[in-house]
PDB file of N, CA and C in Angstrom:
ATOM      1  N   MET A   1      34.414  54.478 -47.691  1.00  0.00           N
ATOM      2  CA  MET A   1      33.755  55.833 -48.646  1.00  0.00           C
ATOM      3  C   MET A   1      34.871  56.342 -49.126  1.00  0.00           C
ATOM      4  N   GLY A   2      34.647  56.501 -50.580  1.00  0.00           N
ATOM      5  CA  GLY A   2      35.722  57.279 -51.074  1.00  0.00           C
ATOM      6  C   GLY A   2      36.492  58.393 -50.747  1.00  0.00           C
ATOM      7  N   ARG A   3      37.314  58.900 -51.128  1.00  0.00           N
ATOM      8  CA  ARG A   3      38.098  60.407 -50.676  1.00  0.00           C
ATOM      9  C   ARG A   3      36.854  61.594 -51.091  1.00  0.00           C
ATOM     10  N   ARG A   4      36.822  61.529 -52.598  1.00  0.00           N
ATOM     11  CA  ARG A   4      35.876  62.409 -52.684  1.00  0.00           C
ATOM     12  C   ARG A   4      34.386  62.281 -51.835  1.00  0.00           C
ATOM     13  N   ASN A   5      33.672  61.793 -51.516  1.00  0.00           N
ATOM     14  CA  ASN A   5      32.637  62.066 -50.822  1.00  0.00           C
ATOM     15  C   ASN A   5      32.633  62.526 -48.934  1.00  0.00           C
ATOM     16  N   HIS A   6      33.988  62.127 -48.425  1.00  0.00           N
ATOM     17  CA  HIS A   6      34.344  62.794 -47.227  1.00  0.00           C
ATOM     18  C   HIS A   6      33.677  63.921 -47.018  1.00  0.00           C
ATOM     19  N   TRP A   7      33.863  64.845 -47.784  1.00  0.00           N
ATOM     20  CA  TRP A   7      33.243  66.966 -47.798  1.00  0.00           C
ATOM     21  C   TRP A   7      31.987  66.386 -47.060  1.00  0.00           C
ATOM     22  N   LEU A   8      31.118  65.348 -48.656  1.00  0.00           N
ATOM     23  CA  LEU A   8      29.602  65.359 -48.094  1.00  0.00           C
ATOM     24  C   LEU A   8      29.371  64.886 -47.345  1.00  0.00           C
ATOM     25  N   ALA A   9      29.938  63.827 -46.673  1.00  0.00           N
ATOM     26  CA  ALA A   9      29.719  63.418 -45.514  1.00  0.00           C
ATOM     27  C   ALA A   9      29.490  64.448 -44.144  1.00  0.00           C
ATOM     28  N   ARG A  10      31.143  64.846 -44.401  1.00  0.00           N
ATOM     29  CA  ARG A  10      31.216  65.988 -43.382  1.00  0.00           C
ATOM     30  C   ARG A  10      30.168  67.184 -43.589  1.00  0.00           C
ATOM     31  N   VAL A  11      29.381  67.715 -44.735  1.00  0.00           N
ATOM     32  CA  VAL A  11      28.234  68.351 -44.406  1.00  0.00           C
ATOM     33  C   VAL A  11      27.535  67.922 -44.029  1.00  0.00           C
ATOM     34  N   VAL A  12      26.605  66.779 -44.420  1.00  0.00           N
ATOM     35  CA  VAL A  12      25.417  65.777 -44.051  1.00  0.00           C
ATOM     36  C   VAL A  12      25.527  66.051 -42.544  1.00  0.00           C
ATOM     37  N   ASP A  13      26.926  65.567 -41.617  1.00  0.00           N
ATOM     38  CA  ASP A  13      26.925  65.195 -40.283  1.00  0.00           C
ATOM     39  C   ASP A  13      26.396  66.479 -39.590  1.00  0.00           C
ATOM     40  N   ALA A  14      27.540  67.751 -40.035  1.00  0.00           N
ATOM     41  CA  ALA A  14      27.581  68.537 -39.422  1.00  0.00           C
ATOM     42  C   ALA A  14      25.743  69.002 -39.370  1.00  0.00           C
ATOM     43  N   ASP A  15      25.250  69.222 -40.323  1.00  0.00           N
ATOM     44  CA  ASP A  15      23.369  69.606 -40.848  1.00  0.00           C
ATOM     45  C   ASP A  15      22.871  68.928 -39.888  1.00  0.00           C
ATOM     46  N   LEU A  16      23.072  67.132 -39.403  1.00  0.00           N
ATOM     47  CA  LEU A  16      22.234  66.575 -38.812  1.00  0.00           C
ATOM     48  C   LEU A  16      22.417  66.917 -36.967  1.00  0.00           C
ATOM     49  N   VAL A  17      23.781  67.189 -36.924  1.00  0.00           N
ATOM     50  CA  VAL A  17      24.041  67.456 -35.534  1.00  0.00           C
ATOM     51  C   VAL A  17      23.482  68.839 -35.288  1.00  0.00           C
ATOM     52  N   ARG A  18      23.713  69.641 -35.767  1.00  0.00           N
ATOM     53  CA  ARG A  18      23.561  71.055 -35.293  1.00  0.00           C
ATOM     54  C   ARG A  18      22.056  71.487 -34.918  1.00  0.00           C
ATOM     55  N   SER A  19      21.051  71.433 -36.558  1.00  0.00           N
ATOM     56  CA  SER A  19      19.530  71.367 -36.354  1.00  0.00           C
ATOM     57  C   SER A  19      18.828  70.656 -36.196  1.00  0.00           C
ATOM     58  N   GLN A  20      17.898  71.143 -35.682  1.00  0.00           N
ATOM     59  CA  GLN A  20      16.935  70.088 -35.390  1.00  0.00           C
ATOM     60  C   GLN A  20      16.128  69.970 -36.397  1.00  0.00           C
ATOM     61  N   LYS A  21      15.740  70.811 -37.545  1.00  0.00           N
ATOM     62  CA  LYS A  21      15.486  70.960 -38.834  1.00  0.00           C
ATOM     63  C   LYS A  21      16.306  70.456 -39.954  1.00  0.00           C
ATOM     64  N   SER A  22      16.654  69.380 -40.071  1.00  0.00           N
ATOM     65  CA  SER A  22      17.618  69.412 -41.047  1.00  0.00           C
ATOM     66  C   SER A  22      17.334  69.420 -42.426  1.00  0.00           C
ATOM     67  N   LEU A  23      18.502  70.382 -43.160  1.00  0.00           N
ATOM     68  CA  LEU A  23      18.094  70.810 -44.606  1.00  0.00           C
ATOM     69  C   LEU A  23      18.294  69.777 -45.650  1.00  0.00           C
ATOM     70  N   SER A  24      19.298  68.442 -45.117  1.00  0.00           N
ATOM     71  CA  SER A  24      19.990  67.661 -45.864  1.00  0.00           C
ATOM     72  C   SER A  24      18.828  66.671 -46.163  1.00  0.00           C
ATOM     73  N   VAL A  25      17.689  66.617 -45.186  1.00  0.00           N
ATOM     74  CA  VAL A  25      16.651  65.893 -45.217  1.00  0.00           C
ATOM     75  C   VAL A  25      15.496  66.169 -46.243  1.00  0.00           C
ATOM     76  N   PHE A  26      15.499  67.243 -46.362  1.00  0.00           N
ATOM     77  CA  PHE A  26      14.519  68.425 -47.101  1.00  0.00           C
ATOM     78  C   PHE A  26      14.698  68.420 -48.648  1.00  0.00           C
ATOM     79  N   LEU A  27      15.959  68.315 -48.452  1.00  0.00           N
ATOM     80  CA  LEU A  27      16.809  68.507 -49.921  1.00  0.00           C
ATOM     81  C   LEU A  27      15.990  68.196 -51.196  1.00  0.00           C
ATOM     82  N   PRO A  28      15.830  66.744 -51.501  1.00  0.00           N
ATOM     83  CA  PRO A  28      14.538  66.157 -52.452  1.00  0.00           C
ATOM     84  C   PRO A  28      13.708  67.210 -52.073  1.00  0.00           C
ATOM     85  N   PHE A  29      12.937  67.940 -51.306  1.00  0.00           N
ATOM     86  CA  PHE A  29      11.700  68.173 -51.409  1.00  0.00           C
ATOM     87  C   PHE A  29      11.808  69.734 -52.239  1.00  0.00           C
ATOM     88  N   PHE A  30      13.264  70.579 -52.246  1.00  0.00           N
ATOM     89  CA  PHE A  30      13.154  71.490 -52.835  1.00  0.00           C
ATOM     90  C   PHE A  30      13.407  70.998 -54.194  1.00  0.00           C
ATOM     91  N   LEU A  31      13.904  70.771 -54.362  1.00  0.00           N
ATOM     92  CA  LEU A  31      14.127  69.836 -55.913  1.00  0.00           C
ATOM     93  C   LEU A  31      12.896  69.656 -56.521  1.00  0.00           C
ATOM     94  N   LEU A  32      11.982  68.940 -55.813  1.00  0.00           N
ATOM     95  CA  LEU A  32      10.526  68.168 -56.323  1.00  0.00           C
ATOM     96  C   LEU A  32       9.814  69.787 -56.415  1.00  0.00           C
ATOM     97  N   ILE A  33       9.951  70.786 -55.496  1.00  0.00           N
ATOM     98  CA  ILE A  33       9.110  72.269 -55.686  1.00  0.00           C
ATOM     99  C   ILE A  33      10.032  72.776 -57.016  1.00  0.00           C
ATOM    100  N   LEU A  34      10.990  72.497 -56.954  1.00  0.00           N
ATOM    101  CA  LEU A  34      11.481  72.864 -58.510  1.00  0.00           C
ATOM    102  C   LEU A  34      11.260  72.841 -59.604  1.00  0.00           C
ATOM    103  N   LEU A  35      11.314  71.315 -59.341  1.00  0.00           N
ATOM    104  CA  LEU A  35      10.480  70.363 -60.695  1.00  0.00           C
ATOM    105  C   LEU A  35       9.053  70.761 -61.361  1.00  0.00           C
ATOM    106  N   LEU A  36       8.340  71.003 -60.135  1.00  0.00           N
ATOM    107  CA  LEU A  36       7.152  70.837 -60.515  1.00  0.00           C
ATOM    108  C   LEU A  36       6.752  72.399 -61.009  1.00  0.00           C
ATOM    109  N   VAL A  37       7.715  73.808 -60.517  1.00  0.00           N
ATOM    110  CA  VAL A  37       7.431  75.183 -60.867  1.00  0.00           C
ATOM    111  C   VAL A  37       7.900  75.208 -62.162  1.00  0.00           C
ATOM    112  N   VAL A  38       9.035  74.624 -62.628  1.00  0.00           N
ATOM    113  CA  VAL A  38       9.634  74.195 -63.868  1.00  0.00           C
ATOM    114  C   VAL A  38       8.659  73.689 -64.984  1.00  0.00           C
ATOM    115  N   SER A  39       8.733  72.454 -64.485  1.00  0.00           N
ATOM    116  CA  SER A  39       7.693  71.672 -65.739  1.00  0.00           C
ATOM    117  C   SER A  39       6.259  71.584 -65.847  1.00  0.00           C
ATOM    118  N   GLY A  40       5.767  73.041 -65.034  1.00  0.00           N
ATOM    119  CA  GLY A  40       4.398  73.279 -65.273  1.00  0.00           C
ATOM    120  C   GLY A  40       3.591  73.379 -66.916  1.00  0.00           C
ATOM    121  N   ALA A  41       4.496  73.985 -67.715  1.00  0.00           N
ATOM    122  CA  ALA A  41       3.889  73.796 -69.069  1.00  0.00           C
ATOM    123  C   ALA A  41       4.263  72.621 -69.994  1.00  0.00           C
ATOM    124  N   TRP A  42       5.402  71.730 -69.669  1.00  0.00           N
ATOM    125  CA  TRP A  42       5.724  70.416 -70.583  1.00  0.00           C
ATOM    126  C   TRP A  42       4.856  69.681 -70.761  1.00  0.00           C
ATOM    127  N   VAL A  43       4.859  68.946 -71.773  1.00  0.00           N
ATOM    128  CA  VAL A  43       4.499  67.576 -72.208  1.00  0.00           C
ATOM    129  C   VAL A  43       4.238  65.941 -71.359  1.00  0.00           C
ATOM    130  N   ALA A  44       3.276  65.963 -71.136  1.00  0.00           N
ATOM    131  CA  ALA A  44       3.403  64.499 -70.147  1.00  0.00           C
ATOM    132  C   ALA A  44       4.380  63.384 -70.010  1.00  0.00           C
ATOM    133  N   GLU A  45       4.800  63.639 -71.185  1.00  0.00           N
ATOM    134  CA  GLU A  45       6.235  62.382 -71.617  1.00  0.00           C
ATOM    135  C   GLU A  45       7.369  62.846 -70.457  1.00  0.00           C
ATOM    136  N   ALA A  46       7.648  64.260 -70.848  1.00  0.00           N
ATOM    137  CA  ALA A  46       8.616  65.582 -70.257  1.00  0.00           C
ATOM    138  C   ALA A  46       8.825  65.321 -68.675  1.00  0.00           C
ATOM    139  N   ARG A  47       7.551  65.944 -68.355  1.00  0.00           N
ATOM    140  CA  ARG A  47       6.751  65.646 -66.831  1.00  0.00           C
ATOM    141  C   ARG A  47       7.497  64.102 -66.169  1.00  0.00           C
ATOM    142  N   VAL A  48       7.041  62.944 -66.731  1.00  0.00           N
ATOM    143  CA  VAL A  48       7.329  61.947 -66.212  1.00  0.00           C
ATOM    144  C   VAL A  48       8.902  61.114 -66.042  1.00  0.00           C
ATOM    145  N   ILE A  49       9.351  62.219 -67.306  1.00  0.00           N
ATOM    146  CA  ILE A  49      11.289  61.543 -67.354  1.00  0.00           C
ATOM    147  C   ILE A  49      11.668  62.301 -66.229  1.00  0.00           C
ATOM    148  N   LEU A  50      11.299  63.696 -65.877  1.00  0.00           N
ATOM    149  CA  LEU A  50      11.610  64.290 -64.848  1.00  0.00           C
ATOM    150  C   LEU A  50      11.400  64.198 -63.670  1.00  0.00           C
ATOM    151  N   TRP A  51       9.958  63.415 -63.252  1.00  0.00           N
ATOM    152  CA  TRP A  51      10.038  62.312 -62.082  1.00  0.00           C
ATOM    153  C   TRP A  51      10.849  61.608 -62.014  1.00  0.00           C
ATOM    154  N   ALA A  52      11.236  60.900 -62.671  1.00  0.00           N
ATOM    155  CA  ALA A  52      11.790  59.518 -62.659  1.00  0.00           C
ATOM    156  C   ALA A  52      13.326  59.949 -62.441  1.00  0.00           C
ATOM    157  N   LEU A  53      14.008  60.856 -62.998  1.00  0.00           N
ATOM    158  CA  LEU A  53      15.299  61.429 -62.569  1.00  0.00           C
ATOM    159  C   LEU A  53      15.107  62.323 -61.141  1.00  0.00           C
ATOM    160  N   MET A  54      14.080  62.717 -60.814  1.00  0.00           N
ATOM    161  CA  MET A  54      13.920  63.259 -59.194  1.00  0.00           C
ATOM    162  C   MET A  54      13.994  61.951 -58.608  1.00  0.00           C
ATOM    163  N   ALA A  55      13.079  60.906 -58.802  1.00  0.00           N
ATOM    164  CA  ALA A  55      13.308  59.672 -57.571  1.00  0.00           C
ATOM    165  C   ALA A  55      14.899  59.087 -57.904  1.00  0.00           C
ATOM    166  N   ALA A  56      15.260  58.664 -58.743  1.00  0.00           N
ATOM    167  CA  ALA A  56      16.561  58.393 -59.127  1.00  0.00           C
ATOM    168  C   ALA A  56      17.584  59.151 -58.269  1.00  0.00           C
ATOM    169  N   ILE A  57      17.726  60.708 -57.916  1.00  0.00           N
ATOM    170  CA  ILE A  57      18.516  61.573 -57.197  1.00  0.00           C
ATOM    171  C   ILE A  57      17.675  61.287 -55.728  1.00  0.00           C
ATOM    172  N   ALA A  58      16.645  61.195 -55.343  1.00  0.00           N
ATOM    173  CA  ALA A  58      15.959  61.288 -54.123  1.00  0.00           C
ATOM    174  C   ALA A  58      16.526  60.441 -53.199  1.00  0.00           C
ATOM    175  N   LEU A  59      16.282  58.889 -53.800  1.00  0.00           N
ATOM    176  CA  LEU A  59      16.252  57.447 -53.160  1.00  0.00           C
ATOM    177  C   LEU A  59      17.763  57.549 -52.883  1.00  0.00           C
ATOM    178  N   PRO A  60      18.809  57.498 -53.321  1.00  0.00           N
ATOM    179  CA  PRO A  60      20.244  57.423 -53.058  1.00  0.00           C
ATOM    180  C   PRO A  60      20.402  58.354 -52.140  1.00  0.00           C
ATOM    181  N   TRP A  61      19.790  59.511 -52.094  1.00  0.00           N
ATOM    182  CA  TRP A  61      20.224  60.489 -51.373  1.00  0.00           C
ATOM    183  C   TRP A  61      19.703  60.198 -50.166  1.00  0.00           C
ATOM    184  N   TYR A  62      18.591  59.769 -50.165  1.00  0.00           N
ATOM    185  CA  TYR A  62      17.416  59.466 -48.675  1.00  0.00           C
ATOM    186  C   TYR A  62      17.948  58.161 -47.991  1.00  0.00           C
ATOM    187  N   ALA A  63      19.006  57.333 -48.632  1.00  0.00           N
ATOM    188  CA  ALA A  63      19.807  56.234 -47.827  1.00  0.00           C
ATOM    189  C   ALA A  63      21.127  56.752 -47.557  1.00  0.00           C
ATOM    190  N   PHE A  64      21.820  58.074 -48.222  1.00  0.00           N
ATOM    191  CA  PHE A  64      22.995  58.519 -47.673  1.00  0.00           C
ATOM    192  C   PHE A  64      22.862  58.958 -46.605  1.00  0.00           C
ATOM    193  N   VAL A  65      21.484  60.056 -46.411  1.00  0.00           N
ATOM    194  CA  VAL A  65      21.390  60.434 -45.286  1.00  0.00           C
ATOM    195  C   VAL A  65      20.959  59.726 -43.868  1.00  0.00           C
ATOM    196  N   GLY A  66      20.175  58.987 -44.548  1.00  0.00           N
ATOM    197  CA  GLY A  66      19.631  57.845 -43.495  1.00  0.00           C
ATOM    198  C   GLY A  66      20.842  56.941 -42.718  1.00  0.00           C
ATOM    199  N   TRP A  67      22.279  56.614 -43.272  1.00  0.00           N
ATOM    200  CA  TRP A  67      23.019  55.741 -43.667  1.00  0.00           C
ATOM    201  C   TRP A  67      23.912  56.866 -42.609  1.00  0.00           C
ATOM    202  N   ARG A  68      24.134  58.262 -42.734  1.00  0.00           N
ATOM    203  CA  ARG A  68      24.966  58.855 -42.047  1.00  0.00           C
ATOM    204  C   ARG A  68      24.345  59.077 -40.417  1.00  0.00           C
ATOM    205  N   ALA A  69      22.777  59.072 -40.278  1.00  0.00           N
ATOM    206  CA  ALA A  69      22.220  59.909 -39.511  1.00  0.00           C
ATOM    207  C   ALA A  69      22.257  58.369 -38.587  1.00  0.00           C
ATOM    208  N   TRP A  70      22.207  56.957 -38.951  1.00  0.00           N
ATOM    209  CA  TRP A  70      22.067  55.593 -38.397  1.00  0.00           C
ATOM    210  C   TRP A  70      23.629  56.023 -37.672  1.00  0.00           C
ATOM    211  N   ARG A  71      24.938  56.258 -38.532  1.00  0.00           N
ATOM    212  CA  ARG A  71      25.874  56.282 -37.930  1.00  0.00           C
ATOM    213  C   ARG A  71      26.545  57.205 -36.224  1.00  0.00           C
ATOM    214  N   LEU A  72      25.710  58.374 -36.482  1.00  0.00           N
ATOM    215  CA  LEU A  72      25.781  59.704 -35.946  1.00  0.00           C
ATOM    216  C   LEU A  72      24.861  59.075 -34.388  1.00  0.00           C
ATOM    217  N   THR A  73      23.767  58.670 -34.807  1.00  0.00           N
ATOM    218  CA  THR A  73      22.967  57.945 -33.533  1.00  0.00           C
ATOM    219  C   THR A  73      23.905  56.805 -32.788  1.00  0.00           C
ATOM    220  N   GLN A  74      24.517  55.810 -33.740  1.00  0.00           N
ATOM    221  CA  GLN A  74      25.425  54.767 -32.865  1.00  0.00           C
ATOM    222  C   GLN A  74      26.480  55.552 -32.128  1.00  0.00           C
ATOM    223  N   ALA A  75      27.057  56.444 -32.918  1.00  0.00           N
ATOM    224  CA  ALA A  75      28.251  57.194 -32.374  1.00  0.00           C
ATOM    225  C   ALA A  75      27.662  57.720 -30.789  1.00  0.00           C
ATOM    226  N   ALA A  76      26.833  58.463 -30.741  1.00  0.00           N
ATOM    227  CA  ALA A  76      26.003  58.983 -29.277  1.00  0.00           C
ATOM    228  C   ALA A  76      25.863  57.798 -28.340  1.00  0.00           C
ATOM    229  N   LEU A  77      25.583  56.807 -29.042  1.00  0.00           N
ATOM    230  CA  LEU A  77      24.841  55.667 -27.947  1.00  0.00           C
ATOM    231  C   LEU A  77      26.438  55.328 -27.249  1.00  0.00           C
ATOM    232  N   TRP A  78      27.197  54.897 -28.464  1.00  0.00           N
ATOM    233  CA  TRP A  78      28.483  54.676 -27.751  1.00  0.00           C
ATOM    234  C   TRP A  78      29.258  55.496 -26.925  1.00  0.00           C
ATOM    235  N   ARG A  79      29.248  56.752 -27.173  1.00  0.00           N
ATOM    236  CA  ARG A  79      29.681  57.922 -25.989  1.00  0.00           C
ATOM    237  C   ARG A  79      28.975  57.816 -24.697  1.00  0.00           C
ATOM    238  N   GLY A  80      27.917  58.090 -25.004  1.00  0.00           N
ATOM    239  CA  GLY A  80      26.834  57.921 -23.452  1.00  0.00           C
ATOM    240  C   GLY A  80      27.292  56.496 -22.552  1.00  0.00           C
ATOM    241  N   ASP A  81      27.450  55.201 -23.654  1.00  0.00           N
ATOM    242  CA  ASP A  81      27.697  53.985 -22.681  1.00  0.00           C
ATOM    243  C   ASP A  81      29.200  54.260 -22.239  1.00  0.00           C
ATOM    244  N   ARG A  82      29.461  54.792 -22.936  1.00  0.00           N
ATOM    245  CA  ARG A  82      31.451  54.910 -22.422  1.00  0.00           C
ATOM    246  C   ARG A  82      31.532  55.682 -21.177  1.00  0.00           C
ATOM    247  N   ASN A  83      30.521  57.147 -20.945  1.00  0.00           N
ATOM    248  CA  ASN A  83      30.577  57.699 -20.132  1.00  0.00           C
ATOM    249  C   ASN A  83      30.113  57.057 -18.657  1.00  0.00           C
ATOM    250  N   TYR A  84      28.872  56.310 -18.982  1.00  0.00           N
ATOM    251  CA  TYR A  84      28.677  55.304 -17.794  1.00  0.00           C
ATOM    252  C   TYR A  84      29.180  54.722 -17.576  1.00  0.00           C
ATOM    253  N   ASP A  85      30.268  53.939 -18.182  1.00  0.00           N
ATOM    254  CA  ASP A  85      31.021  52.895 -17.315  1.00  0.00           C
ATOM    255  C   ASP A  85      32.141  53.367 -17.114  1.00  0.00           C
ATOM    256  N   THR A  86      32.634  54.799 -17.400  1.00  0.00           N
ATOM    257  CA  THR A  86      33.875  55.401 -16.751  1.00  0.00           C
ATOM    258  C   THR A  86      33.569  56.497 -15.274  1.00  0.00           C
ATOM    259  N   ILE A  87      32.295  57.125 -15.761  1.00  0.00           N
ATOM    260  CA  ILE A  87      31.341  58.083 -14.961  1.00  0.00           C
ATOM    261  C   ILE A  87      30.799  57.759 -13.835  1.00  0.00           C
ATOM    262  N   GLY A  88      29.513  57.441 -14.898  1.00  0.00           N
ATOM    263  CA  GLY A  88      28.015  57.633 -14.394  1.00  0.00           C
ATOM    264  C   GLY A  88      28.008  56.674 -12.995  1.00  0.00           C
ATOM    265  N   LYS A  89      27.859  55.639 -12.951  1.00  0.00           N
ATOM    266  CA  LYS A  89      27.751  54.413 -12.578  1.00  0.00           C
ATOM    267  C   LYS A  89      28.344  54.532 -11.218  1.00  0.00           C
ATOM    268  N   TYR A  90      29.387  55.349 -11.343  1.00  0.00           N
ATOM    269  CA  TYR A  90      29.976  55.632  -9.805  1.00  0.00           C
ATOM    270  C   TYR A  90      29.297  56.720  -8.937  1.00  0.00           C
ATOM    271  N   ARG A  91      28.320  57.554  -9.781  1.00  0.00           N
ATOM    272  CA  ARG A  91      28.033  59.043  -9.015  1.00  0.00           C
ATOM    273  C   ARG A  91      26.625  58.177  -8.944  1.00  0.00           C
ATOM    274  N   LEU A  92      25.997  57.189  -8.734  1.00  0.00           N
ATOM    275  CA  LEU A  92      25.063  56.536  -8.409  1.00  0.00           C
ATOM    276  C   LEU A  92      25.201  55.398  -6.970  1.00  0.00           C
ATOM    277  N   PRO A  93      24.131  55.056  -6.392  1.00  0.00           N
ATOM    278  CA  PRO A  93      24.071  54.521  -5.142  1.00  0.00           C
ATOM    279  C   PRO A  93      25.617  53.043  -5.537  1.00  0.00           C
ATOM    280  N   PRO A  94      25.911  52.646  -4.322  1.00  0.00           N
ATOM    281  CA  PRO A  94      26.985  51.818  -4.355  1.00  0.00           C
ATOM    282  C   PRO A  94      26.924  50.044  -5.294  1.00  0.00           C
ATOM    283  N   GLU A  95      25.195  50.066  -4.732  1.00  0.00           N
ATOM    284  CA  GLU A  95      25.417  48.502  -5.989  1.00  0.00           C
ATOM    285  C   GLU A  95      24.965  48.914  -7.131  1.00  0.00           C
ATOM    286  N   TYR A  96      25.137  50.061  -7.784  1.00  0.00           N
ATOM    287  CA  TYR A  96      25.141  50.262  -9.072  1.00  0.00           C
ATOM    288  C   TYR A  96      27.019  50.259 -10.107  1.00  0.00           C
ATOM    289  N   ALA A  97      27.857  50.645  -8.964  1.00  0.00           N
ATOM    290  CA  ALA A  97      28.987  50.299  -9.360  1.00  0.00           C
ATOM    291  C   ALA A  97      29.833  48.835 -10.134  1.00  0.00           C
ATOM    292  N   VAL A  98      28.953  48.182 -10.061  1.00  0.00           N
ATOM    293  CA  VAL A  98      29.351  46.667 -10.626  1.00  0.00           C
ATOM    294  C   VAL A  98      28.201  46.361 -11.506  1.00  0.00           C
ATOM    295  N   THR A  99      27.724  47.444 -12.131  1.00  0.00           N
ATOM    296  CA  THR A  99      26.813  47.206 -13.437  1.00  0.00           C
ATOM    297  C   THR A  99      27.726  47.285 -14.373  1.00  0.00           C
ATOM    298  N   GLU A 100      27.456  47.154 -15.920  1.00  0.00           N
ATOM    299  CA  GLU A 100      27.783  47.799 -16.839  1.00  0.00           C
ATOM    300  C   GLU A 100      27.041  48.642 -18.058  1.00  0.00           C
ATOM    301  N   SER A 101      27.458  49.111 -18.982  1.00  0.00           N
ATOM    302  CA  SER A 101      26.245  49.662 -20.174  1.00  0.00           C
ATOM    303  C   SER A 101      25.641  48.670 -20.794  1.00  0.00           C
ATOM    304  N   ALA A 102      24.909  49.216 -21.802  1.00  0.00           N
ATOM    305  CA  ALA A 102      24.562  47.770 -22.777  1.00  0.00           C
ATOM    306  C   ALA A 102      25.609  47.506 -23.699  1.00  0.00           C
ATOM    307  N   THR A 103      26.456  48.322 -24.338  1.00  0.00           N
ATOM    308  CA  THR A 103      27.395  48.298 -25.131  1.00  0.00           C
ATOM    309  C   THR A 103      28.362  47.372 -24.566  1.00  0.00           C
ATOM    310  N   ALA A 104      28.663  47.233 -23.161  1.00  0.00           N
ATOM    311  CA  ALA A 104      29.599  46.559 -22.935  1.00  0.00           C
ATOM    312  C   ALA A 104      29.287  44.923 -22.434  1.00  0.00           C
ATOM    313  N   ALA A 105      28.171  45.025 -22.003  1.00  0.00           N
ATOM    314  CA  ALA A 105      26.957  43.745 -22.287  1.00  0.00           C
ATOM    315  C   ALA A 105      26.941  43.289 -23.462  1.00  0.00           C
ATOM    316  N   ARG A 106      27.139  43.500 -24.428  1.00  0.00           N
ATOM    317  CA  ARG A 106      26.829  43.489 -25.928  1.00  0.00           C
ATOM    318  C   ARG A 106      28.468  42.954 -26.375  1.00  0.00           C
ATOM    319  N   LYS A 107      29.350  43.633 -25.690  1.00  0.00           N
ATOM    320  CA  LYS A 107      30.323  43.192 -26.276  1.00  0.00           C
ATOM    321  C   LYS A 107      30.995  41.826 -25.755  1.00  0.00           C
ATOM    322  N   ARG A 108      30.503  41.703 -24.281  1.00  0.00           N
ATOM    323  CA  ARG A 108      31.140  40.572 -23.329  1.00  0.00           C
ATOM    324  C   ARG A 108      30.373  39.083 -23.771  1.00  0.00           C
ATOM    325  N   ARG A 109      28.841  39.282 -24.262  1.00  0.00           N
ATOM    326  CA  ARG A 109      28.277  38.258 -24.871  1.00  0.00           C
ATOM    327  C   ARG A 109      29.033  37.774 -26.421  1.00  0.00           C
ATOM    328  N   TRP A 110      29.471  38.876 -26.724  1.00  0.00           N
ATOM    329  CA  TRP A 110      29.961  38.932 -28.555  1.00  0.00           C
ATOM    330  C   TRP A 110      31.282  37.747 -27.862  1.00  0.00           C
ATOM    331  N   LYS A 111      31.910  38.246 -26.892  1.00  0.00           N
ATOM    332  CA  LYS A 111      33.097  37.656 -26.843  1.00  0.00           C
ATOM    333  C   LYS A 111      32.731  36.257 -26.724  1.00  0.00           C
ATOM    334  N   GLN A 112      32.072  36.376 -25.721  1.00  0.00           N
ATOM    335  CA  GLN A 112      31.579  34.964 -25.142  1.00  0.00           C
ATOM    336  C   GLN A 112      31.507  33.847 -25.979  1.00  0.00           C
ATOM    337  N   GLU A 113      30.369  34.187 -27.069  1.00  0.00           N
ATOM    338  CA  GLU A 113      29.711  33.031 -28.400  1.00  0.00           C
ATOM    339  C   GLU A 113      31.080  33.352 -28.979  1.00  0.00           C
ATOM    340  N   ARG A 114      31.800  33.629 -29.338  1.00  0.00           N
ATOM    341  CA  ARG A 114      33.293  33.880 -30.486  1.00  0.00           C
ATOM    342  C   ARG A 114      33.995  32.415 -29.659  1.00  0.00           C
ATOM    343  N   ARG A 115      34.289  33.042 -28.355  1.00  0.00           N
ATOM    344  CA  ARG A 115      35.321  32.128 -27.668  1.00  0.00           C
ATOM    345  C   ARG A 115      34.394  30.346 -27.893  1.00  0.00           C
ATOM    346  N   ALA A 116      33.250  30.282 -27.621  1.00  0.00           N
ATOM    347  CA  ALA A 116      32.550  29.189 -27.796  1.00  0.00           C
ATOM    348  C   ALA A 116      32.344  28.706 -29.039  1.00  0.00           C
ATOM    349  N   ARG A 117      32.284  29.347 -29.813  1.00  0.00           N
ATOM    350  CA  ARG A 117      32.535  28.748 -31.232  1.00  0.00           C
ATOM    351  C   ARG A 117      33.896  28.127 -31.355  1.00  0.00           C
ATOM    352  N   LYS A 118      34.719  28.830 -31.237  1.00  0.00           N
ATOM    353  CA  LYS A 118      36.301  28.940 -31.593  1.00  0.00           C
ATOM    354  C   LYS A 118      36.226  27.866 -30.399  1.00  0.00           C
ATOM    355  N   ASN A 119      35.751  27.191 -29.626  1.00  0.00           N
ATOM    356  CA  ASN A 119      36.402  25.836 -29.264  1.00  0.00           C
ATOM    357  C   ASN A 119      36.023  24.710 -29.822  1.00  0.00           C
ATOM    358  N   ARG A 120      34.421  25.212 -30.030  1.00  0.00           N
ATOM    359  CA  ARG A 120      33.342  24.285 -30.677  1.00  0.00           C
ATOM    360  C   ARG A 120      34.102  23.662 -32.063  1.00  0.00           C
ATOM    361  N   ASP A 121      35.113  24.345 -32.331  1.00  0.00           N
ATOM    362  CA  ASP A 121      35.524  24.051 -33.864  1.00  0.00           C
ATOM    363  C   ASP A 121      37.009  23.033 -33.585  1.00  0.00           C
TER     364      ASP A 121
END
């Protein structure tokens, strides 16, 4: 991501994390309402152009917000798994001390598959 987009990512991340009803998700809807109010008396061709412009703005915005939400979700999952591996499993009954989190298991399997592929070649 380019440096000029860091501020946008920070704003969207803060909005997604801090509120249950994120304004960054609803931003295109606000633009749509504004578009409907403004284009009420315009000719049909101008309205079609405005709708296309609205779609051209909304689709990349939703892709960006969705990507940031996915990244935040993954970070929260990794943080929770790391907490389980370092602290959580030792607070459970003793038979759970030898278990591993889903992230650790996935990483171990990935390393095993990578070694197997490397040894095959």
